[in-house]
Amino acid sequence: MRQELQLELQSQFAFMKRDMSLGNRYQNYGCECGDGWFELIQELCQRITNVYKFEGIDDIDIEILQIKEKFGKLRFYYRHFGDSNIIQAIDFLGVGSLRLSPPSDEECEYKKKISELVHSYEEWSSHICEKCGGRGALRTDFVWKKTLCEDCYQEMIESN
């Protein structure tokens, strides 16, 4: 994703600010996906913020670990400060993904809501062109799976 789009996310959402001293993939490389998912990520971040506001929690306790494309879909890996489990999903080549959710006790209700939001936006990404943000479809006829609109798909075919 272009630098100016990433800077916009960082200016809008404090938990999206990058700090190289933390040393995880997001901090080092930023959003490792196309510009077309900018609005999707922006909306997800706003909805995460809204969960905290609704729950009356002032400090957002999320550390972004990695944001990338994998198997043609968005992957938004994060953890809540203080949680020992940082694995959010396990991807299986050609089969799918196993999403791990936080404990479901009442203390963690907001964590469950955020996990559900992230999962739904990751699924939604398979209908949004990663390149331009238009209506897309998951394309499986390349070496890599990609979610592309018809125009970006044709452009990719012609460039190969």
C-alpha atoms as a PDB file:
ATOM      1  CA  MET A   1       0.000   0.000   0.000  1.00  0.00           C
ATOM      2  CA  ARG A   2       1.257   3.448  -0.876  1.00  0.00           C
ATOM      3  CA  GLN A   3       2.968   5.376   1.903  1.00  0.00           C
ATOM      4  CA  GLU A   4       0.501   8.299   1.849  1.00  0.00           C
ATOM      5  CA  LEU A   5      -2.439   5.949   2.420  1.00  0.00           C
ATOM      6  CA  GLN A   6      -0.643   4.294   5.322  1.00  0.00           C
ATOM      7  CA  LEU A   7       0.145   7.702   6.831  1.00  0.00           C
ATOM      8  CA  GLU A   8      -3.542   8.589   6.592  1.00  0.00           C
ATOM      9  CA  LEU A   9      -4.457   5.458   8.559  1.00  0.00           C
ATOM     10  CA  GLN A  10      -1.820   6.314  11.153  1.00  0.00           C
ATOM     11  CA  SER A  11      -3.151   9.860  11.532  1.00  0.00           C
ATOM     12  CA  GLN A  12      -6.730   8.630  11.981  1.00  0.00           C
ATOM     13  CA  PHE A  13      -6.101   5.710  14.351  1.00  0.00           C
ATOM     14  CA  ALA A  14      -3.500   5.781  17.120  1.00  0.00           C
ATOM     15  CA  PHE A  15      -3.231   1.967  17.166  1.00  0.00           C
ATOM     16  CA  MET A  16      -2.124   2.079  13.512  1.00  0.00           C
ATOM     17  CA  LYS A  17       0.931   4.255  14.238  1.00  0.00           C
ATOM     18  CA  ARG A  18       4.172   2.535  13.423  1.00  0.00           C
ATOM     19  CA  ASP A  19       7.041   2.340  15.921  1.00  0.00           C
ATOM     20  CA  MET A  20      10.098   0.573  14.511  1.00  0.00           C
ATOM     21  CA  SER A  21      11.339  -0.239  18.030  1.00  0.00           C
ATOM     22  CA  LEU A  22       8.526  -2.799  18.444  1.00  0.00           C
ATOM     23  CA  GLY A  23      10.046  -4.831  15.636  1.00  0.00           C
ATOM     24  CA  ASN A  24       7.059  -6.816  14.346  1.00  0.00           C
ATOM     25  CA  ARG A  25       6.197  -7.130  10.643  1.00  0.00           C
ATOM     26  CA  TYR A  26       3.647  -4.316  10.646  1.00  0.00           C
ATOM     27  CA  GLN A  27       6.067  -1.943  12.346  1.00  0.00           C
ATOM     28  CA  ASN A  28       8.800  -2.776   9.837  1.00  0.00           C
ATOM     29  CA  TYR A  29       6.828  -3.076   6.601  1.00  0.00           C
ATOM     30  CA  GLY A  30       3.405  -1.464   7.115  1.00  0.00           C
ATOM     31  CA  CYS A  31       0.398  -2.693   5.138  1.00  0.00           C
ATOM     32  CA  GLU A  32       1.590  -5.398   2.751  1.00  0.00           C
ATOM     33  CA  CYS A  33      -1.368  -5.263   0.390  1.00  0.00           C
ATOM     34  CA  GLY A  34      -2.674  -3.218  -2.496  1.00  0.00           C
ATOM     35  CA  ASP A  35      -4.179   0.276  -2.352  1.00  0.00           C
ATOM     36  CA  GLY A  36      -7.608  -1.103  -3.203  1.00  0.00           C
ATOM     37  CA  TRP A  37      -8.069  -2.375   0.348  1.00  0.00           C
ATOM     38  CA  PHE A  38      -7.339   1.011   1.949  1.00  0.00           C
ATOM     39  CA  GLU A  39     -11.025   1.874   2.494  1.00  0.00           C
ATOM     40  CA  LEU A  40     -11.737  -1.638   3.765  1.00  0.00           C
ATOM     41  CA  ILE A  41      -8.934  -1.364   6.355  1.00  0.00           C
ATOM     42  CA  GLN A  42      -9.974   2.197   7.227  1.00  0.00           C
ATOM     43  CA  GLU A  43     -13.567   1.098   7.846  1.00  0.00           C
ATOM     44  CA  LEU A  44     -12.409  -1.886   9.911  1.00  0.00           C
ATOM     45  CA  CYS A  45     -10.249   0.402  12.077  1.00  0.00           C
ATOM     46  CA  GLN A  46     -13.196   2.759  12.587  1.00  0.00           C
ATOM     47  CA  ARG A  47     -15.466  -0.116  13.588  1.00  0.00           C
ATOM     48  CA  ILE A  48     -12.816  -1.394  16.039  1.00  0.00           C
ATOM     49  CA  THR A  49     -12.636   2.110  17.523  1.00  0.00           C
ATOM     50  CA  ASN A  50     -16.440   2.170  17.790  1.00  0.00           C
ATOM     51  CA  VAL A  51     -16.441  -1.103  19.770  1.00  0.00           C
ATOM     52  CA  TYR A  52     -14.150   0.453  22.360  1.00  0.00           C
ATOM     53  CA  LYS A  53     -16.286   3.610  22.532  1.00  0.00           C
ATOM     54  CA  PHE A  54     -19.486   1.578  22.913  1.00  0.00           C
ATOM     55  CA  GLU A  55     -17.915  -0.454  25.726  1.00  0.00           C
ATOM     56  CA  GLY A  56     -16.726   2.744  27.454  1.00  0.00           C
ATOM     57  CA  ILE A  57     -13.056   1.789  27.122  1.00  0.00           C
ATOM     58  CA  ASP A  58     -10.801   4.822  26.614  1.00  0.00           C
ATOM     59  CA  ASP A  59      -7.515   3.079  25.802  1.00  0.00           C
ATOM     60  CA  ILE A  60      -7.451   0.867  22.736  1.00  0.00           C
ATOM     61  CA  ASP A  61      -5.318  -2.100  23.750  1.00  0.00           C
ATOM     62  CA  ILE A  62      -4.490  -3.438  20.302  1.00  0.00           C
ATOM     63  CA  GLU A  63      -1.060  -3.958  18.800  1.00  0.00           C
ATOM     64  CA  ILE A  64      -1.095  -4.502  15.047  1.00  0.00           C
ATOM     65  CA  LEU A  65       1.232  -7.399  14.168  1.00  0.00           C
ATOM     66  CA  GLN A  66       0.800  -7.664  10.396  1.00  0.00           C
ATOM     67  CA  ILE A  67      -1.568  -6.552   7.655  1.00  0.00           C
ATOM     68  CA  LYS A  68      -1.154  -8.362   4.358  1.00  0.00           C
ATOM     69  CA  GLU A  69      -2.738 -10.250   1.493  1.00  0.00           C
ATOM     70  CA  LYS A  70      -2.659 -14.021   1.710  1.00  0.00           C
ATOM     71  CA  PHE A  71      -4.441 -16.474  -0.592  1.00  0.00           C
ATOM     72  CA  GLY A  72      -6.209 -13.496  -2.196  1.00  0.00           C
ATOM     73  CA  LYS A  73      -7.715 -12.206   1.063  1.00  0.00           C
ATOM     74  CA  LEU A  74      -6.858  -9.604   3.661  1.00  0.00           C
ATOM     75  CA  ARG A  75      -5.084 -10.829   6.779  1.00  0.00           C
ATOM     76  CA  PHE A  76      -5.262  -8.460   9.762  1.00  0.00           C
ATOM     77  CA  TYR A  77      -3.160  -9.892  12.581  1.00  0.00           C
ATOM     78  CA  TYR A  78      -3.234  -8.182  15.964  1.00  0.00           C
ATOM     79  CA  ARG A  79      -3.110  -8.883  19.666  1.00  0.00           C
ATOM     80  CA  HIS A  80      -4.495  -7.253  22.772  1.00  0.00           C
ATOM     81  CA  PHE A  81      -1.821  -5.994  25.161  1.00  0.00           C
ATOM     82  CA  GLY A  82      -1.422  -8.493  27.981  1.00  0.00           C
ATOM     83  CA  ASP A  83      -2.650 -11.467  25.934  1.00  0.00           C
ATOM     84  CA  SER A  84      -0.117 -14.242  25.645  1.00  0.00           C
ATOM     85  CA  ASN A  85      -1.695 -15.791  22.537  1.00  0.00           C
ATOM     86  CA  ILE A  86      -0.642 -13.791  19.492  1.00  0.00           C
ATOM     87  CA  ILE A  87      -1.542 -16.362  16.823  1.00  0.00           C
ATOM     88  CA  GLN A  88      -4.784 -15.178  15.230  1.00  0.00           C
ATOM     89  CA  ALA A  89      -5.140 -17.559  12.299  1.00  0.00           C
ATOM     90  CA  ILE A  90      -3.576 -20.567  10.679  1.00  0.00           C
ATOM     91  CA  ASP A  91      -3.746 -20.724   6.879  1.00  0.00           C
ATOM     92  CA  PHE A  92      -3.785 -24.004   4.994  1.00  0.00           C
ATOM     93  CA  LEU A  93      -2.652 -23.943   1.369  1.00  0.00           C
ATOM     94  CA  GLY A  94      -5.602 -24.546  -0.931  1.00  0.00           C
ATOM     95  CA  VAL A  95      -7.968 -25.417   1.915  1.00  0.00           C
ATOM     96  CA  GLY A  96      -8.739 -22.323   3.930  1.00  0.00           C
ATOM     97  CA  SER A  97      -8.027 -20.669   7.222  1.00  0.00           C
ATOM     98  CA  LEU A  98      -8.619 -21.448  10.878  1.00  0.00           C
ATOM     99  CA  ARG A  99      -9.431 -18.291  12.863  1.00  0.00           C
ATOM    100  CA  LEU A 100      -8.655 -18.364  16.589  1.00  0.00           C
ATOM    101  CA  SER A 101     -10.921 -16.287  18.824  1.00  0.00           C
ATOM    102  CA  PRO A 102     -10.301 -14.833  22.287  1.00  0.00           C
ATOM    103  CA  PRO A 103     -11.972 -16.322  25.365  1.00  0.00           C
ATOM    104  CA  SER A 104     -15.714 -15.679  25.399  1.00  0.00           C
ATOM    105  CA  ASP A 105     -16.208 -14.784  29.063  1.00  0.00           C
ATOM    106  CA  GLU A 106     -17.983 -11.489  29.762  1.00  0.00           C
ATOM    107  CA  GLU A 107     -14.732  -9.673  30.540  1.00  0.00           C
ATOM    108  CA  CYS A 108     -13.625 -10.292  26.954  1.00  0.00           C
ATOM    109  CA  GLU A 109     -16.896  -9.504  25.177  1.00  0.00           C
ATOM    110  CA  TYR A 110     -15.288  -6.571  23.352  1.00  0.00           C
ATOM    111  CA  LYS A 111     -12.420  -8.830  22.250  1.00  0.00           C
ATOM    112  CA  LYS A 112     -14.917 -11.284  20.815  1.00  0.00           C
ATOM    113  CA  LYS A 113     -16.670  -8.450  18.920  1.00  0.00           C
ATOM    114  CA  ILE A 114     -13.357  -7.260  17.480  1.00  0.00           C
ATOM    115  CA  SER A 115     -12.389 -10.787  16.452  1.00  0.00           C
ATOM    116  CA  GLU A 116     -15.724 -11.188  14.657  1.00  0.00           C
ATOM    117  CA  LEU A 117     -15.258  -7.828  12.911  1.00  0.00           C
ATOM    118  CA  VAL A 118     -11.759  -8.724  11.726  1.00  0.00           C
ATOM    119  CA  HIS A 119     -12.923 -12.096  10.447  1.00  0.00           C
ATOM    120  CA  SER A 120     -15.867 -10.581   8.558  1.00  0.00           C
ATOM    121  CA  TYR A 121     -13.670  -7.921   6.924  1.00  0.00           C
ATOM    122  CA  GLU A 122     -11.127 -10.539   5.924  1.00  0.00           C
ATOM    123  CA  GLU A 123     -13.919 -12.495   4.238  1.00  0.00           C
ATOM    124  CA  TRP A 124     -15.353  -9.343   2.659  1.00  0.00           C
ATOM    125  CA  SER A 125     -11.947  -8.611   1.105  1.00  0.00           C
ATOM    126  CA  SER A 126     -12.493 -11.499  -1.322  1.00  0.00           C
ATOM    127  CA  HIS A 127     -15.122  -9.303  -3.028  1.00  0.00           C
ATOM    128  CA  ILE A 128     -13.039  -6.102  -3.265  1.00  0.00           C
ATOM    129  CA  CYS A 129     -10.299  -5.618  -5.839  1.00  0.00           C
ATOM    130  CA  GLU A 130      -7.010  -5.367  -3.981  1.00  0.00           C
ATOM    131  CA  LYS A 131      -5.589  -3.156  -6.700  1.00  0.00           C
ATOM    132  CA  CYS A 132      -8.308  -0.511  -7.285  1.00  0.00           C
ATOM    133  CA  GLY A 133     -11.006  -1.095  -4.635  1.00  0.00           C
ATOM    134  CA  GLY A 134     -13.758  -1.920  -7.125  1.00  0.00           C
ATOM    135  CA  ARG A 135     -16.056  -4.927  -6.948  1.00  0.00           C
ATOM    136  CA  GLY A 136     -13.802  -7.930  -7.314  1.00  0.00           C
ATOM    137  CA  ALA A 137     -13.730 -11.681  -7.331  1.00  0.00           C
ATOM    138  CA  LEU A 138     -11.225 -14.173  -6.005  1.00  0.00           C
ATOM    139  CA  ARG A 139      -9.121 -15.263  -8.993  1.00  0.00           C
ATOM    140  CA  THR A 140      -7.455 -18.658  -8.755  1.00  0.00           C
ATOM    141  CA  ASP A 141      -6.016 -19.090 -12.240  1.00  0.00           C
ATOM    142  CA  PHE A 142      -2.656 -17.422 -11.502  1.00  0.00           C
ATOM    143  CA  VAL A 143       0.273 -18.822  -9.549  1.00  0.00           C
ATOM    144  CA  TRP A 144      -1.029 -16.728  -6.617  1.00  0.00           C
ATOM    145  CA  LYS A 145      -4.671 -16.208  -5.688  1.00  0.00           C
ATOM    146  CA  LYS A 146      -5.716 -12.566  -6.107  1.00  0.00           C
ATOM    147  CA  THR A 147      -8.952 -10.666  -5.625  1.00  0.00           C
ATOM    148  CA  LEU A 148      -9.364  -8.424  -8.666  1.00  0.00           C
ATOM    149  CA  CYS A 149     -12.084  -6.614 -10.579  1.00  0.00           C
ATOM    150  CA  GLU A 150     -12.579  -7.525 -14.233  1.00  0.00           C
ATOM    151  CA  ASP A 151     -10.429  -4.625 -15.533  1.00  0.00           C
ATOM    152  CA  CYS A 152      -7.493  -5.297 -13.171  1.00  0.00           C
ATOM    153  CA  TYR A 153      -7.823  -9.016 -13.898  1.00  0.00           C
ATOM    154  CA  GLN A 154      -7.572  -8.414 -17.667  1.00  0.00           C
ATOM    155  CA  GLU A 155      -4.630  -6.060 -17.106  1.00  0.00           C
ATOM    156  CA  MET A 156      -2.835  -8.756 -15.117  1.00  0.00           C
ATOM    157  CA  ILE A 157      -3.516 -11.365 -17.824  1.00  0.00           C
ATOM    158  CA  GLU A 158      -2.120  -9.046 -20.513  1.00  0.00           C
ATOM    159  CA  SER A 159       1.016  -8.271 -18.481  1.00  0.00           C
ATOM    160  CA  ASN A 160       1.877 -11.973 -18.022  1.00  0.00           C
END
